[in-house]
Protein backbone atom coordinates (compact mmCIF):
# COMPACT_ATOMS: atom_id res chain seq x y z
CA MET A 1 -15.56 -30.43 13.99
CA ALA A 2 -15.04 -33.43 13.16
CA GLU A 3 -12.02 -31.98 11.02
CA THR A 4 -8.62 -33.90 11.59
CA MET A 5 -5.32 -32.06 11.33
CA LEU A 6 -4.02 -34.32 8.44
CA GLU A 7 -7.38 -33.15 6.44
CA LEU A 8 -6.00 -29.55 7.43
CA MET A 9 -2.43 -29.90 5.98
CA LYS A 10 -3.38 -30.66 2.84
CA GLU A 11 -5.44 -27.77 2.08
CA ALA A 12 -1.81 -26.24 1.22
CA ASP A 13 1.37 -27.43 0.65
CA LEU A 14 3.33 -24.96 1.99
CA GLU A 15 7.00 -26.14 3.91
CA GLY A 16 4.65 -27.62 6.68
CA TYR A 17 2.62 -24.58 7.16
CA TYR A 18 -1.01 -25.02 6.28
CA LYS A 19 -3.48 -21.48 5.92
CA HIS A 20 -6.07 -20.86 8.07
CA SER A 21 -9.10 -20.08 6.42
CA GLY A 22 -13.00 -19.75 6.95
CA ARG A 23 -15.93 -22.30 7.40
CA ASN A 24 -18.86 -21.84 6.20
CA THR A 25 -21.58 -24.01 8.41
CA ASN A 26 -23.58 -22.63 11.58
CA GLU A 27 -21.72 -24.97 13.85
CA TYR A 28 -18.10 -23.39 12.93
CA ARG A 29 -19.23 -20.01 13.16
CA ARG A 30 -20.62 -20.78 16.48
CA ALA A 31 -17.84 -22.19 17.63
CA LEU A 32 -15.86 -19.43 16.62
CA LYS A 33 -17.80 -16.82 18.50
CA GLU A 34 -16.87 -19.26 21.09
CA THR A 35 -13.41 -18.93 20.47
CA VAL A 36 -13.49 -15.54 20.14
CA ASP A 37 -15.28 -14.77 23.53
CA LEU A 38 -12.67 -17.15 25.49
CA LEU A 39 -9.73 -15.31 23.63
CA ALA A 40 -11.34 -11.95 24.98
CA ASN A 41 -12.56 -12.87 28.57
CA ARG A 42 -15.83 -11.73 27.57
CA HIS A 43 -17.19 -13.24 30.92
CA GLY A 44 -14.71 -11.01 32.68
CA LEU A 45 -13.29 -14.77 34.44
CA PRO A 46 -9.81 -14.15 36.83
CA LEU A 47 -6.84 -15.07 35.00
CA PRO A 48 -5.84 -18.19 36.73
CA ILE A 49 -9.17 -20.00 35.06
CA LEU A 50 -9.12 -18.01 32.13
CA ASN A 51 -5.67 -19.67 31.47
CA ALA A 52 -6.63 -22.56 32.98
CA LYS A 53 -9.67 -22.99 29.95
CA ILE A 54 -7.77 -21.99 27.51
CA TYR A 55 -4.89 -24.15 28.35
CA GLU A 56 -7.93 -27.12 27.99
CA ALA A 57 -8.65 -25.94 24.76
CA LEU A 58 -5.32 -25.93 23.49
CA THR A 59 -5.56 -29.83 23.89
CA THR A 60 -8.79 -29.78 21.80
CA SER A 61 -8.59 -31.18 17.72
CA ASP A 62 -10.43 -27.80 16.33
CA PHE A 63 -8.98 -25.05 18.52
CA PRO A 64 -6.30 -25.04 16.39
CA LEU A 65 -8.30 -24.23 13.64
CA LEU A 66 -10.54 -21.69 15.43
CA PHE A 67 -7.89 -20.13 16.91
CA GLY A 68 -6.14 -19.30 13.57
CA ASP A 69 -8.91 -17.87 12.32
CA VAL A 70 -9.41 -15.62 14.55
CA LEU A 71 -5.71 -14.50 14.01
CA ASP A 72 -6.47 -14.01 10.35
CA ARG A 73 -9.47 -11.84 10.94
CA GLN A 74 -7.63 -9.54 13.56
CA LEU A 75 -4.77 -9.64 10.35
CA LEU A 76 -7.26 -8.24 8.11
CA ALA A 77 -8.83 -6.20 10.25
CA ALA A 78 -5.27 -4.48 11.22
CA TYR A 79 -4.50 -4.26 7.32
CA ARG A 80 -7.34 -2.36 6.52
CA GLU A 81 -7.47 0.22 9.34
CA ALA A 82 -3.37 1.02 9.00
CA PRO A 83 -3.17 4.35 7.02
CA THR A 84 -2.96 4.21 3.29
CA VAL A 85 -1.32 6.84 1.19
CA MET A 86 0.03 5.54 -1.98
CA PRO A 87 -2.46 2.95 -3.76
CA GLN A 88 -4.46 6.17 -3.84
CA ILE A 89 -2.60 7.43 -6.90
CA ALA A 90 -1.96 3.85 -8.44
CA LYS A 91 -3.61 1.31 -10.87
CA PRO A 92 -4.41 -1.57 -9.32
CA ALA A 93 -4.34 -4.95 -11.04
CA ARG A 94 -4.54 -8.64 -10.22
CA LEU A 95 -2.30 -10.64 -11.41
CA ARG A 96 -2.43 -14.08 -12.51
CA ASP A 97 1.30 -15.98 -11.49
CA MET A 98 4.41 -15.18 -10.34
CA ARG A 99 6.00 -14.03 -13.81
CA THR A 100 6.95 -10.92 -15.25
CA VAL A 101 3.74 -9.06 -16.51
CA TYR A 102 3.99 -6.37 -19.55
CA ARG A 103 2.39 -3.21 -19.85
CA PHE A 104 2.08 -1.66 -23.19
CA LYS A 105 1.20 1.98 -23.95
CA VAL A 106 0.65 2.13 -27.94
CA SER A 107 1.10 6.43 -29.33
CA ASP A 108 0.29 7.72 -32.83
CA GLY A 109 -2.67 7.59 -35.30
CA ASP A 110 -4.98 9.62 -32.72
CA ASN A 111 -3.67 13.05 -33.80
CA ARG A 112 -5.43 15.92 -35.60
CA LEU A 113 -5.85 14.28 -39.41
CA SER A 114 -4.42 15.74 -42.53
CA GLU A 115 -5.87 17.38 -44.96
CA VAL A 116 -6.62 15.60 -48.27
CA GLU A 117 -6.60 16.90 -51.46
CA GLU A 118 -9.30 16.49 -54.58
CA GLN A 119 -8.05 12.65 -55.63
CA GLY A 120 -5.10 12.89 -53.53
CA GLU A 121 -3.60 10.33 -51.60
CA TYR A 122 -4.12 9.81 -47.61
CA LYS A 123 -1.24 9.82 -45.75
CA GLY A 124 -0.59 6.52 -43.40
CA SER A 125 0.37 6.84 -40.03
CA ASP A 126 2.96 4.59 -37.90
CA ARG A 127 2.45 2.99 -33.93
CA ASP A 128 5.08 3.77 -31.68
CA GLU A 129 5.08 1.45 -28.57
CA SER A 130 6.27 1.91 -24.77
CA LYS A 131 6.55 -0.92 -22.63
CA TRP A 132 7.02 -1.21 -18.93
CA GLU A 133 7.33 -4.79 -17.10
CA TYR A 134 7.40 -6.15 -13.34
CA ALA A 135 7.31 -8.92 -11.64
CA PRO A 136 5.39 -9.75 -8.24
CA LYS A 137 7.54 -10.57 -5.25
CA LYS A 138 6.93 -12.18 -1.87
CA TYR A 139 7.42 -10.18 1.43
CA GLY A 140 7.16 -12.10 4.98
CA ARG A 141 7.64 -12.61 8.48
CA ARG A 142 8.33 -15.74 11.13
CA PHE A 143 6.84 -15.48 14.55
CA PRO A 144 8.12 -18.03 17.15
CA ILE A 145 6.08 -17.99 20.35
CA SER A 146 7.25 -20.29 23.57
CA TRP A 147 5.43 -23.77 24.78
CA GLU A 148 5.52 -21.38 27.87
CA THR A 149 3.85 -18.06 26.80
CA LEU A 150 0.77 -20.04 25.62
CA LEU A 151 0.37 -21.35 29.60
CA ASN A 152 1.80 -18.19 31.01
CA ASP A 153 0.63 -15.22 29.10
CA ASP A 154 -2.35 -13.22 29.11
CA LEU A 155 -2.98 -13.58 25.50
CA ASN A 156 -1.52 -10.22 24.73
CA ALA A 157 1.58 -11.45 23.13
CA LEU A 158 -1.04 -13.67 20.91
CA THR A 159 -3.50 -11.39 19.92
CA ASP A 160 -1.01 -8.45 19.43
CA THR A 161 0.26 -10.38 16.74
CA PRO A 162 -1.78 -10.51 14.02
CA ARG A 163 -2.20 -6.80 14.18
CA ARG A 164 1.75 -6.19 13.95
CA PHE A 165 1.73 -8.64 10.48
CA GLY A 166 -1.46 -6.38 9.08
CA VAL A 167 0.27 -2.83 10.02
CA ALA A 168 3.92 -5.07 8.36
CA ALA A 169 2.20 -5.54 5.47
CA ARG A 170 0.52 -1.92 4.88
CA ARG A 171 3.82 -0.43 5.80
CA THR A 172 6.22 -2.72 3.31
CA GLU A 173 3.14 -1.86 0.33
CA GLU A 174 3.62 1.94 1.07
CA TYR A 175 7.76 1.74 1.24
CA PHE A 176 7.38 -0.33 -1.96
CA LEU A 177 5.36 2.60 -3.70
CA THR A 178 6.98 5.24 -2.36
CA SER A 179 10.75 4.12 -3.77
CA LEU A 180 8.97 3.86 -7.23
CA PHE A 181 9.29 8.23 -7.21
CA PHE A 182 11.51 9.11 -4.77
CA ASP A 183 15.10 7.82 -4.06
CA SER A 184 17.78 9.55 -1.18
CA ASN A 185 17.92 12.42 -3.58
CA GLY A 186 14.71 13.21 -3.75
CA PRO A 187 12.17 12.96 -6.70
CA LYS A 188 13.45 10.54 -9.09
CA ASP A 189 14.25 12.02 -12.37
CA ALA A 190 13.96 8.76 -13.76
CA TYR A 191 10.14 9.22 -13.72
CA PHE A 192 9.35 13.07 -13.32
CA ALA A 193 11.89 14.22 -15.28
CA GLY A 194 11.57 13.21 -19.08
CA ASN A 195 9.21 10.00 -19.89
CA GLY A 196 6.68 12.71 -21.39
CA GLY A 197 6.75 14.78 -18.33
CA ALA A 198 8.90 17.56 -17.22
CA ALA A 199 11.70 18.59 -18.65
CA ALA A 200 13.89 18.21 -14.92
CA VAL A 201 12.32 18.16 -11.51
CA ALA A 202 11.46 21.93 -10.11
CA SER A 203 13.65 23.02 -7.13
CA LEU A 204 10.11 25.29 -5.94
CA ALA A 205 9.16 25.55 -2.61
CA LEU A 206 5.82 24.87 -1.55
CA ASN A 207 3.40 27.84 -1.45
CA ILE A 208 0.81 29.19 -3.41
CA GLU A 209 2.23 30.53 -6.59
CA ASN A 210 4.74 27.52 -6.79
CA LEU A 211 1.59 25.00 -6.58
CA GLU A 212 0.08 27.03 -9.18
CA THR A 213 2.92 26.81 -11.57
CA GLY A 214 3.07 22.74 -10.74
CA ILE A 215 -0.32 22.68 -11.54
CA GLN A 216 -0.28 24.72 -15.15
CA ALA A 217 2.76 22.76 -15.96
CA MET A 218 0.92 19.29 -15.56
CA ASP A 219 -1.97 20.82 -17.48
CA ASP A 220 0.40 21.68 -20.40
CA TYR A 221 1.45 18.29 -20.60
CA VAL A 222 0.91 17.15 -24.39
CA ASP A 223 1.15 13.80 -25.62
CA ASP A 224 3.65 12.26 -28.12
CA ASN A 225 1.99 13.91 -30.97
CA ASP A 226 2.13 17.19 -29.36
CA GLU A 227 -1.65 17.38 -28.80
CA PRO A 228 -3.29 18.47 -25.70
CA ILE A 229 -4.40 16.09 -23.33
CA ASP A 230 -6.91 16.42 -19.79
CA ASN A 231 -4.36 16.23 -16.91
CA THR A 232 -5.23 18.10 -14.05
CA ALA A 233 -3.71 17.53 -11.02
CA LYS A 234 -5.73 15.62 -8.41
CA PHE A 235 -3.45 14.90 -5.76
CA LEU A 236 -0.87 17.17 -3.52
CA MET A 237 1.80 14.37 -1.85
CA VAL A 238 4.15 16.09 0.47
CA PRO A 239 5.84 15.10 3.66
CA PRO A 240 4.69 15.29 7.49
CA ALA A 241 6.97 18.27 7.52
CA LEU A 242 4.63 20.59 4.89
CA ARG A 243 1.67 18.91 6.36
CA LEU A 244 0.21 22.34 7.84
CA THR A 245 1.67 24.30 4.66
CA ALA A 246 -0.60 22.42 2.09
CA MET A 247 -3.26 22.75 4.89
CA ASN A 248 -3.38 26.34 4.83
CA ILE A 249 -2.56 26.62 1.21
CA MET A 250 -5.95 24.73 0.44
CA LYS A 251 -7.92 26.17 2.95
CA SER A 252 -6.70 29.93 2.40
CA MET A 253 -9.48 32.56 1.08
CA ASN A 254 -6.81 34.89 -0.38
CA LYS A 255 -3.02 34.82 -1.41
CA MET A 256 -1.22 38.04 -1.62
CA TYR A 257 0.53 39.87 -4.18
CA ILE A 258 2.77 43.12 -4.27
CA ILE A 259 2.85 45.50 -6.85
CA ALA A 260 5.25 45.58 -9.04
CA GLY A 261 8.40 47.52 -8.61
CA ASP A 262 7.69 48.19 -4.85
CA THR A 263 8.80 46.04 -1.84
CA ASP A 264 6.66 47.81 0.88
CA VAL A 265 3.97 44.53 2.09
CA SER A 266 1.96 46.74 4.20
CA ALA A 267 1.77 49.49 2.07
CA TYR A 268 1.12 47.45 -1.73
CA ALA A 269 -0.15 44.28 -0.68
CA MET A 270 -3.46 43.41 -2.12
CA PRO A 271 -5.66 40.42 -1.54
CA THR A 272 -6.41 38.04 -4.41
CA ALA A 273 -8.59 35.10 -4.40
CA ASN A 274 -6.98 31.63 -3.71
CA ILE A 275 -9.14 29.80 -6.72
CA LEU A 276 -6.77 26.61 -5.53
CA ALA A 277 -8.88 26.11 -2.57
CA GLU A 278 -11.89 25.36 -5.61
CA LEU A 279 -9.72 22.80 -7.20
CA ASP A 280 -10.59 19.95 -4.80
CA MET A 281 -7.50 18.80 -4.66
CA VAL A 282 -6.41 15.98 -2.13
CA ILE A 283 -3.57 16.45 0.55
CA LEU A 284 -1.57 13.08 0.73
CA VAL A 285 0.57 13.01 3.88
CA ASN A 286 3.49 10.53 2.67
CA ARG A 287 5.52 9.35 5.98
CA TYR A 288 7.94 7.75 3.81
CA ILE A 289 9.71 10.52 1.79
CA PRO A 290 11.57 11.30 4.78
CA ARG A 291 13.12 7.98 5.41
CA ILE A 292 13.89 7.16 2.01
CA VAL A 293 14.45 10.97 0.70
CA THR A 294 17.67 11.35 3.10
CA SER A 295 20.04 13.75 1.32
CA GLY A 296 20.36 17.01 3.33
CA THR A 297 16.60 18.09 3.86
CA LYS A 298 15.19 17.24 0.56
CA GLY A 299 13.11 14.61 2.79
CA GLN A 300 11.33 17.82 5.10
CA THR A 301 11.33 20.55 1.74
CA CYS A 302 10.25 17.74 -1.41
CA TRP A 303 6.48 17.89 -2.81
CA ALA A 304 4.88 15.94 -6.01
CA LEU A 305 1.67 16.46 -7.57
CA PHE A 306 -0.34 13.39 -9.49
CA SER A 307 -3.17 13.05 -11.64
CA ASP A 308 -6.47 11.18 -11.00
CA PRO A 309 -5.27 7.21 -11.69
CA ASN A 310 -8.91 6.67 -13.28
CA LEU A 311 -7.37 9.21 -15.91
CA LEU A 312 -3.67 8.93 -16.16
CA PRO A 313 -2.09 6.68 -13.39
CA ALA A 314 1.19 7.24 -11.98
CA CYS A 315 1.71 3.50 -11.41
CA GLU A 316 0.61 0.10 -11.29
CA PHE A 317 0.41 -1.80 -8.30
CA GLY A 318 -0.09 -5.31 -8.75
CA LYS A 319 -1.58 -8.06 -6.21
CA LEU A 320 -1.58 -11.89 -6.65
CA ALA A 321 -4.92 -13.17 -7.52
CA GLY A 322 -6.35 -15.02 -4.55
CA HIS A 323 -3.87 -13.84 -2.63
CA GLU A 324 -4.34 -10.09 -2.45
CA GLU A 325 -4.05 -9.86 0.97
CA PRO A 326 -1.56 -11.06 3.85
CA GLU A 327 -2.06 -13.94 5.17
CA ILE A 328 -1.11 -16.12 7.96
CA PHE A 329 0.33 -19.79 8.40
CA MET A 330 1.14 -22.21 11.33
CA LYS A 331 3.46 -24.84 11.02
CA THR A 332 2.17 -28.17 12.21
CA SER A 333 3.95 -30.19 15.09
CA ASN A 334 6.78 -32.76 13.99
CA GLN A 335 6.28 -34.15 17.27
CA THR A 336 4.75 -37.32 18.60
CA LYS A 337 3.69 -38.47 21.62
CA VAL A 338 5.03 -41.87 23.50
CA SER A 339 1.28 -42.37 24.55
CA GLY A 340 0.58 -42.32 20.57
CA GLY A 341 -1.33 -39.97 18.24
CA PRO A 342 0.33 -37.02 16.94
CA SER A 343 0.66 -33.66 18.22
CA GLY A 344 -1.06 -30.61 17.68
CA PRO A 345 0.44 -27.57 16.09
CA MET A 346 -0.25 -26.01 20.00
CA GLU A 347 2.71 -28.55 21.14
CA GLY A 348 5.42 -26.84 18.93
CA SER A 349 8.27 -28.12 17.63
CA PHE A 350 10.05 -31.50 18.51
CA GLU A 351 13.21 -29.18 19.35
CA ASN A 352 12.10 -26.42 21.35
CA ASP A 353 8.45 -27.07 21.75
CA THR A 354 7.90 -23.41 19.78
CA VAL A 355 5.03 -22.59 18.13
CA GLN A 356 5.18 -20.70 14.89
CA TYR A 357 3.52 -18.39 12.67
CA LYS A 358 4.60 -16.70 9.28
CA VAL A 359 3.08 -13.91 7.04
CA ARG A 360 3.17 -13.91 3.38
CA HIS A 361 2.05 -10.87 0.89
CA VAL A 362 2.61 -10.97 -2.04
CA PHE A 363 2.45 -8.14 -4.83
CA GLY A 364 4.43 -5.59 -6.98
CA GLY A 365 4.34 -2.49 -9.39
CA THR A 366 6.14 0.36 -11.86
CA THR A 367 5.72 3.46 -12.39
CA LEU A 368 3.99 4.21 -16.17
CA ASP A 369 3.46 7.52 -17.86
CA GLY A 370 5.63 10.53 -16.67
CA ARG A 371 2.85 12.92 -17.35
CA ALA A 372 0.69 11.73 -14.75
CA GLY A 373 3.08 13.49 -12.16
CA TRP A 374 5.18 16.54 -11.19
CA ALA A 375 7.53 17.05 -8.51
CA SER A 376 9.89 19.38 -6.66
CA ASP A 377 12.83 18.99 -4.28
CA GLY A 378 11.61 22.39 -2.65
CA GLN A 379 15.12 23.31 -2.06
């Protein structure tokens, strides 16, 4: 526990911020547990006594490190608990740095072999190449806490901050990845129409028959040499408005067909087994679709199918190596007491006594082969 604040600041050169990171010594773990117990008031102390003990702890040299470690752990817990959808259809990647990365697909050469006549010449084959590129970007937010809050608050504002940072990081990921496939007008033509996939975005409403149509369309996709590929739809992505419709489709044991030429449903509807329930498809309810798709009612009616990313990924989602999860930083104090010695970060800034935290998250991504998806605007 003899580490000084100056030593901690050397761990990261981030514009006056230092990163909170864990320690592996038994002594540090013991102190960390005591800090957690204090912040959570595990002993049920009256509020005035609790605040007094916290204020007393704020004056010690090791409490800022311990307090920051608690915040960091709470952040990661909230980050992992937030609902996730889009990463399930993505291929994960670890990026070495912030430079643009390139992804290539080489086609041709794997189509059917040509017959070779006796003493005939073997025909050569070319290679076609497709390229995708993207660069990771930084996302973040700063959160100032007044010195008075540290004295007067019952820690609700402080302990709630990392949870909110974690939720914000996950929401940022979900919005970014959803925006790769949807825009204000619905499913993006640039991905779902062409690019090896369907000729156009469909306009079919979500029901059993139309879902069968979409699944069959993906099964019919071929590679660049017109060769068949294994491309069974794995995920059905819908907005919240279609959640119950999707669940009814997947759980219904039967579907109804009307005999051709007749319209009296009660007299001629015939039950047929709903084999979609046996396909083991996963329903993904994407809450950002209606927030991104704002044209008319398409945000409530559009839906999409995606392949298993282990077989054919629809996109790549890259995170910076060593920074895969959001990180919390605290700004060091820029004031010095007249009595001598630097002030701890819990003393705040010289200008207004503000204690500041920030969260940083780094990631990027791009769509890949259009054969991994099929979509309809549901109109």
